[in-house]
Amino acid sequence: MMGMRWSNWVGLLMMVIFLFIHEPIWLFLSSETTNILWAIPVVAYVIAAAVLLIRGGPDHEKA
């Protein structure tokens, strides 16, 4: 059975943090079109959090 690894917990924490800060980010990004470059790090953050949450690190308990 696969358990939660530390990297999965980091991804989950990143997603929970994003859950609370997504509204101010969305309002900031939609206020002007010049702020569209801010969308690149936001998307990278979400992708990194999702990959950590889903994939995780290597399983060290396999023998």
N, C-alpha and C. Protein backbone atom coordinates (compact mmCIF):
# COMPACT_ATOMS: atom_id res chain seq x y z
N MET A 1 0.84 -1.18 0.00
CA MET A 1 0.00 0.00 0.00
C MET A 1 0.89 1.25 0.00
N MET A 2 0.52 2.20 -0.82
CA MET A 2 1.32 3.42 -0.90
C MET A 2 0.82 4.43 0.13
N GLY A 3 1.74 4.94 0.92
CA GLY A 3 1.41 5.97 1.89
C GLY A 3 1.80 7.34 1.36
N MET A 4 1.53 8.33 2.17
CA MET A 4 1.90 9.69 1.80
C MET A 4 3.37 9.91 2.15
N ARG A 5 4.14 10.34 1.17
CA ARG A 5 5.54 10.68 1.38
C ARG A 5 5.64 12.16 1.73
N TRP A 6 6.82 12.59 2.16
CA TRP A 6 6.98 13.99 2.55
C TRP A 6 6.73 14.91 1.38
N SER A 7 7.10 14.50 0.17
CA SER A 7 6.90 15.36 -0.99
C SER A 7 5.41 15.49 -1.33
N ASN A 8 4.63 14.43 -1.04
CA ASN A 8 3.19 14.53 -1.23
C ASN A 8 2.59 15.55 -0.26
N TRP A 9 3.09 15.56 0.97
CA TRP A 9 2.61 16.53 1.96
C TRP A 9 2.98 17.96 1.57
N VAL A 10 4.17 18.13 0.99
CA VAL A 10 4.58 19.46 0.52
C VAL A 10 3.64 19.93 -0.59
N GLY A 11 3.32 19.04 -1.53
CA GLY A 11 2.38 19.38 -2.61
C GLY A 11 1.00 19.71 -2.08
N LEU A 12 0.54 18.94 -1.09
CA LEU A 12 -0.77 19.21 -0.49
C LEU A 12 -0.77 20.56 0.21
N LEU A 13 0.30 20.86 0.94
CA LEU A 13 0.41 22.16 1.61
C LEU A 13 0.43 23.30 0.61
N MET A 14 1.14 23.12 -0.51
CA MET A 14 1.18 24.15 -1.55
C MET A 14 -0.22 24.39 -2.13
N MET A 15 -0.98 23.32 -2.34
CA MET A 15 -2.33 23.46 -2.87
C MET A 15 -3.26 24.15 -1.87
N VAL A 16 -3.12 23.83 -0.58
CA VAL A 16 -3.95 24.47 0.44
C VAL A 16 -3.62 25.96 0.52
N ILE A 17 -2.35 26.31 0.46
CA ILE A 17 -1.96 27.72 0.46
C ILE A 17 -2.54 28.42 -0.76
N PHE A 18 -2.46 27.77 -1.91
CA PHE A 18 -3.00 28.37 -3.13
C PHE A 18 -4.51 28.54 -3.04
N LEU A 19 -5.19 27.64 -2.32
CA LEU A 19 -6.63 27.74 -2.15
C LEU A 19 -7.01 29.07 -1.50
N PHE A 20 -6.18 29.54 -0.57
CA PHE A 20 -6.47 30.79 0.13
C PHE A 20 -5.98 32.04 -0.61
N ILE A 21 -4.96 31.91 -1.46
CA ILE A 21 -4.41 33.11 -2.11
C ILE A 21 -4.82 33.23 -3.57
N HIS A 22 -5.64 32.33 -4.07
CA HIS A 22 -5.97 32.38 -5.50
C HIS A 22 -6.84 33.59 -5.86
N GLU A 23 -7.72 34.01 -4.96
CA GLU A 23 -8.61 35.14 -5.28
C GLU A 23 -7.84 36.45 -5.45
N PRO A 24 -6.95 36.84 -4.53
CA PRO A 24 -6.17 38.07 -4.77
C PRO A 24 -5.30 37.98 -6.01
N ILE A 25 -4.75 36.80 -6.28
CA ILE A 25 -3.93 36.64 -7.48
C ILE A 25 -4.79 36.82 -8.72
N TRP A 26 -5.97 36.22 -8.73
CA TRP A 26 -6.87 36.34 -9.89
C TRP A 26 -7.28 37.80 -10.11
N LEU A 27 -7.61 38.51 -9.04
CA LEU A 27 -7.99 39.92 -9.17
C LEU A 27 -6.82 40.76 -9.66
N PHE A 28 -5.62 40.47 -9.20
CA PHE A 28 -4.44 41.20 -9.64
C PHE A 28 -4.16 40.94 -11.11
N LEU A 29 -4.29 39.69 -11.54
CA LEU A 29 -4.00 39.35 -12.93
C LEU A 29 -5.04 39.90 -13.88
N SER A 30 -6.29 39.98 -13.45
CA SER A 30 -7.33 40.45 -14.36
C SER A 30 -7.47 41.97 -14.36
N SER A 31 -6.74 42.67 -13.50
CA SER A 31 -6.88 44.12 -13.44
C SER A 31 -6.25 44.82 -14.64
N GLU A 32 -5.13 44.32 -15.12
CA GLU A 32 -4.45 44.90 -16.28
C GLU A 32 -3.90 43.78 -17.15
N THR A 33 -3.78 44.07 -18.42
CA THR A 33 -3.22 43.06 -19.31
C THR A 33 -1.70 43.00 -19.21
N THR A 34 -1.07 44.06 -18.67
CA THR A 34 0.38 44.04 -18.54
C THR A 34 0.83 43.08 -17.44
N ASN A 35 -0.07 42.69 -16.58
CA ASN A 35 0.28 41.78 -15.51
C ASN A 35 0.20 40.31 -15.93
N ILE A 36 0.02 40.06 -17.21
CA ILE A 36 -0.12 38.68 -17.68
C ILE A 36 1.16 37.88 -17.45
N LEU A 37 2.31 38.56 -17.36
CA LEU A 37 3.55 37.84 -17.08
C LEU A 37 3.56 37.22 -15.69
N TRP A 38 2.72 37.71 -14.80
CA TRP A 38 2.60 37.11 -13.47
C TRP A 38 1.90 35.76 -13.53
N ALA A 39 1.20 35.48 -14.62
CA ALA A 39 0.51 34.20 -14.74
C ALA A 39 1.50 33.05 -14.91
N ILE A 40 2.66 33.32 -15.47
CA ILE A 40 3.65 32.26 -15.71
C ILE A 40 4.12 31.63 -14.39
N PRO A 41 4.56 32.41 -13.39
CA PRO A 41 4.95 31.77 -12.13
C PRO A 41 3.78 31.12 -11.39
N VAL A 42 2.59 31.68 -11.53
CA VAL A 42 1.41 31.10 -10.88
C VAL A 42 1.13 29.72 -11.46
N VAL A 43 1.17 29.61 -12.77
CA VAL A 43 0.93 28.31 -13.42
C VAL A 43 2.04 27.34 -13.05
N ALA A 44 3.28 27.80 -13.01
CA ALA A 44 4.39 26.93 -12.63
C ALA A 44 4.24 26.44 -11.19
N TYR A 45 3.76 27.31 -10.30
CA TYR A 45 3.52 26.93 -8.90
C TYR A 45 2.47 25.84 -8.81
N VAL A 46 1.37 26.00 -9.54
CA VAL A 46 0.28 25.02 -9.50
C VAL A 46 0.74 23.69 -10.09
N ILE A 47 1.49 23.74 -11.18
CA ILE A 47 1.98 22.50 -11.80
C ILE A 47 2.94 21.78 -10.86
N ALA A 48 3.85 22.53 -10.23
CA ALA A 48 4.80 21.91 -9.30
C ALA A 48 4.07 21.30 -8.11
N ALA A 49 3.06 22.00 -7.58
CA ALA A 49 2.30 21.46 -6.45
C ALA A 49 1.54 20.20 -6.85
N ALA A 50 0.94 20.20 -8.03
CA ALA A 50 0.19 19.02 -8.49
C ALA A 50 1.12 17.83 -8.70
N VAL A 51 2.29 18.08 -9.28
CA VAL A 51 3.24 16.98 -9.52
C VAL A 51 3.72 16.41 -8.19
N LEU A 52 4.03 17.27 -7.23
CA LEU A 52 4.46 16.78 -5.92
C LEU A 52 3.35 16.02 -5.22
N LEU A 53 2.13 16.50 -5.34
CA LEU A 53 1.01 15.85 -4.68
C LEU A 53 0.71 14.49 -5.30
N ILE A 54 0.76 14.40 -6.60
CA ILE A 54 0.39 13.16 -7.28
C ILE A 54 1.55 12.17 -7.30
N ARG A 55 2.71 12.62 -7.71
CA ARG A 55 3.83 11.70 -7.94
C ARG A 55 4.63 11.42 -6.69
N GLY A 56 5.08 12.45 -6.04
CA GLY A 56 5.89 12.27 -4.85
C GLY A 56 7.32 11.87 -5.19
N GLY A 57 8.04 11.49 -4.18
CA GLY A 57 9.43 11.10 -4.35
C GLY A 57 9.58 9.61 -4.52
N PRO A 58 10.83 9.15 -4.58
CA PRO A 58 11.07 7.71 -4.73
C PRO A 58 10.69 6.95 -3.46
N ASP A 59 10.29 5.72 -3.65
CA ASP A 59 9.91 4.88 -2.52
C ASP A 59 11.15 4.18 -1.99
N HIS A 60 11.58 4.55 -0.79
CA HIS A 60 12.80 3.99 -0.21
C HIS A 60 12.54 2.70 0.55
N GLU A 61 11.29 2.31 0.71
CA GLU A 61 10.97 1.12 1.50
C GLU A 61 10.95 -0.15 0.67
N LYS A 62 11.14 -0.06 -0.63
CA LYS A 62 11.16 -1.26 -1.47
C LYS A 62 12.45 -2.04 -1.21
N ALA A 63 12.30 -3.33 -1.05
CA ALA A 63 13.49 -4.16 -0.78
C ALA A 63 13.73 -5.12 -1.92
